[in-house]
Amino acid sequence: MKTIQLSTSKFYLNTNLEEKWKALKAKLNAWRVRHKTRAHLARLDDRMLSDIGLSRYDANKEAEKPFWED
């Protein structure tokens, strides 16, 4: 009986670690995309910003946020 519990616990531990690893990878990827998007936004000229309905002030305000902040 202990062997089955140990096996089940080990399976649960591996599954839990796998889920946490996937969540971490997803978070890191989201941060990378957010950083790249904000850097690109900062490089847009005023005409392009106007086309997407943003002012230079709004674009700079968004671009200055740290990558971990929504």
N, C-alpha and C. Protein backbone atom coordinates (compact mmCIF):
# COMPACT_ATOMS: atom_id res chain seq x y z
N MET A 1 0.81 -1.19 0.00
CA MET A 1 0.00 0.00 0.00
C MET A 1 0.86 1.26 0.00
N LYS A 2 1.95 1.26 0.75
CA LYS A 2 2.82 2.43 0.77
C LYS A 2 3.45 2.68 -0.59
N THR A 3 3.75 1.61 -1.31
CA THR A 3 4.33 1.76 -2.63
C THR A 3 3.38 2.51 -3.56
N ILE A 4 2.11 2.18 -3.48
CA ILE A 4 1.11 2.85 -4.32
C ILE A 4 1.01 4.32 -3.93
N GLN A 5 0.99 4.62 -2.64
CA GLN A 5 0.91 6.00 -2.20
C GLN A 5 2.15 6.78 -2.64
N LEU A 6 3.30 6.19 -2.50
CA LEU A 6 4.53 6.84 -2.91
C LEU A 6 4.50 7.12 -4.40
N SER A 7 4.07 6.14 -5.15
CA SER A 7 3.97 6.29 -6.59
C SER A 7 2.99 7.40 -6.95
N THR A 8 1.85 7.42 -6.28
CA THR A 8 0.85 8.45 -6.54
C THR A 8 1.39 9.82 -6.15
N SER A 9 2.05 9.90 -5.01
CA SER A 9 2.62 11.17 -4.58
C SER A 9 3.69 11.64 -5.56
N LYS A 10 4.50 10.72 -6.03
CA LYS A 10 5.54 11.07 -6.99
C LYS A 10 4.91 11.57 -8.29
N PHE A 11 3.86 10.91 -8.74
CA PHE A 11 3.16 11.33 -9.95
C PHE A 11 2.58 12.73 -9.75
N TYR A 12 1.96 12.96 -8.60
CA TYR A 12 1.37 14.27 -8.31
C TYR A 12 2.46 15.33 -8.28
N LEU A 13 3.58 15.03 -7.66
CA LEU A 13 4.68 15.98 -7.58
C LEU A 13 5.19 16.32 -8.98
N ASN A 14 5.38 15.31 -9.82
CA ASN A 14 5.84 15.55 -11.18
C ASN A 14 4.84 16.37 -11.97
N THR A 15 3.56 16.05 -11.82
CA THR A 15 2.52 16.79 -12.52
C THR A 15 2.50 18.24 -12.05
N ASN A 16 2.60 18.43 -10.76
CA ASN A 16 2.59 19.77 -10.19
C ASN A 16 3.79 20.58 -10.69
N LEU A 17 4.96 19.97 -10.71
CA LEU A 17 6.15 20.67 -11.21
C LEU A 17 6.01 20.98 -12.69
N GLU A 18 5.45 20.05 -13.43
CA GLU A 18 5.26 20.28 -14.87
C GLU A 18 4.31 21.45 -15.10
N GLU A 19 3.24 21.50 -14.33
CA GLU A 19 2.28 22.61 -14.46
C GLU A 19 2.94 23.94 -14.10
N LYS A 20 3.73 23.94 -13.04
CA LYS A 20 4.42 25.16 -12.64
C LYS A 20 5.44 25.59 -13.69
N TRP A 21 6.13 24.63 -14.28
CA TRP A 21 7.11 24.93 -15.33
C TRP A 21 6.40 25.54 -16.55
N LYS A 22 5.26 24.97 -16.93
CA LYS A 22 4.50 25.51 -18.07
C LYS A 22 4.02 26.92 -17.77
N ALA A 23 3.56 27.15 -16.55
CA ALA A 23 3.08 28.48 -16.16
C ALA A 23 4.23 29.49 -16.17
N LEU A 24 5.40 29.07 -15.70
CA LEU A 24 6.56 29.95 -15.71
C LEU A 24 6.97 30.29 -17.14
N LYS A 25 6.99 29.30 -18.01
CA LYS A 25 7.34 29.55 -19.41
C LYS A 25 6.35 30.50 -20.07
N ALA A 26 5.07 30.33 -19.77
CA ALA A 26 4.05 31.21 -20.32
C ALA A 26 4.23 32.64 -19.82
N LYS A 27 4.54 32.79 -18.54
CA LYS A 27 4.75 34.12 -17.97
C LYS A 27 5.97 34.80 -18.59
N LEU A 28 7.07 34.05 -18.72
CA LEU A 28 8.28 34.61 -19.33
C LEU A 28 8.03 35.01 -20.78
N ASN A 29 7.28 34.21 -21.50
CA ASN A 29 6.96 34.54 -22.89
C ASN A 29 6.10 35.80 -22.96
N ALA A 30 5.13 35.91 -22.07
CA ALA A 30 4.27 37.10 -22.04
C ALA A 30 5.11 38.35 -21.76
N TRP A 31 6.04 38.24 -20.84
CA TRP A 31 6.92 39.37 -20.54
C TRP A 31 7.77 39.75 -21.74
N ARG A 32 8.28 38.74 -22.46
CA ARG A 32 9.11 39.00 -23.64
C ARG A 32 8.30 39.72 -24.71
N VAL A 33 7.10 39.23 -24.96
CA VAL A 33 6.24 39.85 -25.97
C VAL A 33 5.87 41.28 -25.56
N ARG A 34 5.55 41.47 -24.29
CA ARG A 34 5.20 42.80 -23.80
C ARG A 34 6.37 43.77 -23.96
N HIS A 35 7.57 43.32 -23.65
CA HIS A 35 8.76 44.16 -23.79
C HIS A 35 8.97 44.56 -25.25
N LYS A 36 8.88 43.58 -26.15
CA LYS A 36 9.08 43.86 -27.57
C LYS A 36 7.99 44.78 -28.12
N THR A 37 6.76 44.58 -27.70
CA THR A 37 5.65 45.40 -28.17
C THR A 37 5.81 46.84 -27.72
N ARG A 38 6.19 47.03 -26.48
CA ARG A 38 6.38 48.39 -25.96
C ARG A 38 7.56 49.08 -26.62
N ALA A 39 8.61 48.34 -26.88
CA ALA A 39 9.77 48.92 -27.58
C ALA A 39 9.37 49.34 -28.99
N HIS A 40 8.58 48.53 -29.66
CA HIS A 40 8.11 48.86 -31.00
C HIS A 40 7.19 50.08 -30.96
N LEU A 41 6.31 50.15 -29.98
CA LEU A 41 5.41 51.28 -29.82
C LEU A 41 6.20 52.58 -29.66
N ALA A 42 7.28 52.53 -28.91
CA ALA A 42 8.10 53.72 -28.68
C ALA A 42 8.76 54.22 -29.96
N ARG A 43 8.95 53.34 -30.93
CA ARG A 43 9.60 53.73 -32.19
C ARG A 43 8.63 54.23 -33.26
N LEU A 44 7.34 54.13 -33.02
CA LEU A 44 6.38 54.59 -34.03
C LEU A 44 6.40 56.11 -34.13
N ASP A 45 6.24 56.61 -35.36
CA ASP A 45 6.18 58.06 -35.52
C ASP A 45 4.76 58.56 -35.22
N ASP A 46 4.61 59.88 -35.14
CA ASP A 46 3.33 60.46 -34.74
C ASP A 46 2.20 60.10 -35.71
N ARG A 47 2.49 60.00 -37.00
CA ARG A 47 1.47 59.63 -37.97
C ARG A 47 0.95 58.22 -37.71
N MET A 48 1.88 57.30 -37.44
CA MET A 48 1.47 55.92 -37.16
C MET A 48 0.69 55.83 -35.85
N LEU A 49 1.11 56.59 -34.87
CA LEU A 49 0.38 56.60 -33.59
C LEU A 49 -1.04 57.14 -33.80
N SER A 50 -1.16 58.18 -34.62
CA SER A 50 -2.47 58.74 -34.92
C SER A 50 -3.36 57.70 -35.61
N ASP A 51 -2.77 56.91 -36.48
CA ASP A 51 -3.52 55.87 -37.19
C ASP A 51 -4.13 54.84 -36.22
N ILE A 52 -3.45 54.59 -35.12
CA ILE A 52 -3.98 53.61 -34.15
C ILE A 52 -4.67 54.28 -32.96
N GLY A 53 -4.83 55.61 -33.06
CA GLY A 53 -5.59 56.34 -32.04
C GLY A 53 -4.85 56.64 -30.76
N LEU A 54 -3.53 56.75 -30.85
CA LEU A 54 -2.73 57.07 -29.66
C LEU A 54 -1.99 58.38 -29.85
N SER A 55 -1.81 59.10 -28.76
CA SER A 55 -0.97 60.29 -28.79
C SER A 55 0.46 59.89 -28.44
N ARG A 56 1.38 60.79 -28.69
CA ARG A 56 2.78 60.53 -28.32
C ARG A 56 2.87 60.34 -26.80
N TYR A 57 2.13 61.15 -26.05
CA TYR A 57 2.14 61.03 -24.59
C TYR A 57 1.69 59.63 -24.15
N ASP A 58 0.58 59.16 -24.72
CA ASP A 58 0.07 57.83 -24.36
C ASP A 58 1.06 56.73 -24.72
N ALA A 59 1.67 56.86 -25.89
CA ALA A 59 2.64 55.85 -26.33
C ALA A 59 3.85 55.83 -25.41
N ASN A 60 4.35 57.01 -25.06
CA ASN A 60 5.51 57.07 -24.16
C ASN A 60 5.17 56.54 -22.77
N LYS A 61 3.98 56.88 -22.31
CA LYS A 61 3.55 56.41 -20.99
C LYS A 61 3.50 54.88 -20.96
N GLU A 62 2.97 54.27 -22.02
CA GLU A 62 2.90 52.81 -22.10
C GLU A 62 4.29 52.21 -22.27
N ALA A 63 5.11 52.81 -23.11
CA ALA A 63 6.44 52.27 -23.39
C ALA A 63 7.36 52.32 -22.17
N GLU A 64 7.11 53.26 -21.27
CA GLU A 64 7.97 53.39 -20.09
C GLU A 64 7.63 52.39 -18.99
N LYS A 65 6.52 51.69 -19.11
CA LYS A 65 6.15 50.71 -18.09
C LYS A 65 7.14 49.55 -18.10
N PRO A 66 7.43 48.98 -16.94
CA PRO A 66 8.28 47.78 -16.91
C PRO A 66 7.55 46.59 -17.54
N PHE A 67 8.31 45.66 -18.07
CA PHE A 67 7.72 44.53 -18.80
C PHE A 67 6.80 43.67 -17.94
N TRP A 68 6.99 43.67 -16.65
CA TRP A 68 6.17 42.80 -15.79
C TRP A 68 4.84 43.45 -15.42
N GLU A 69 4.65 44.70 -15.79
CA GLU A 69 3.42 45.42 -15.44
C GLU A 69 2.45 45.38 -16.62
N ASP A 70 1.18 45.05 -16.33
CA ASP A 70 0.15 45.02 -17.39
C ASP A 70 -0.20 46.40 -17.84
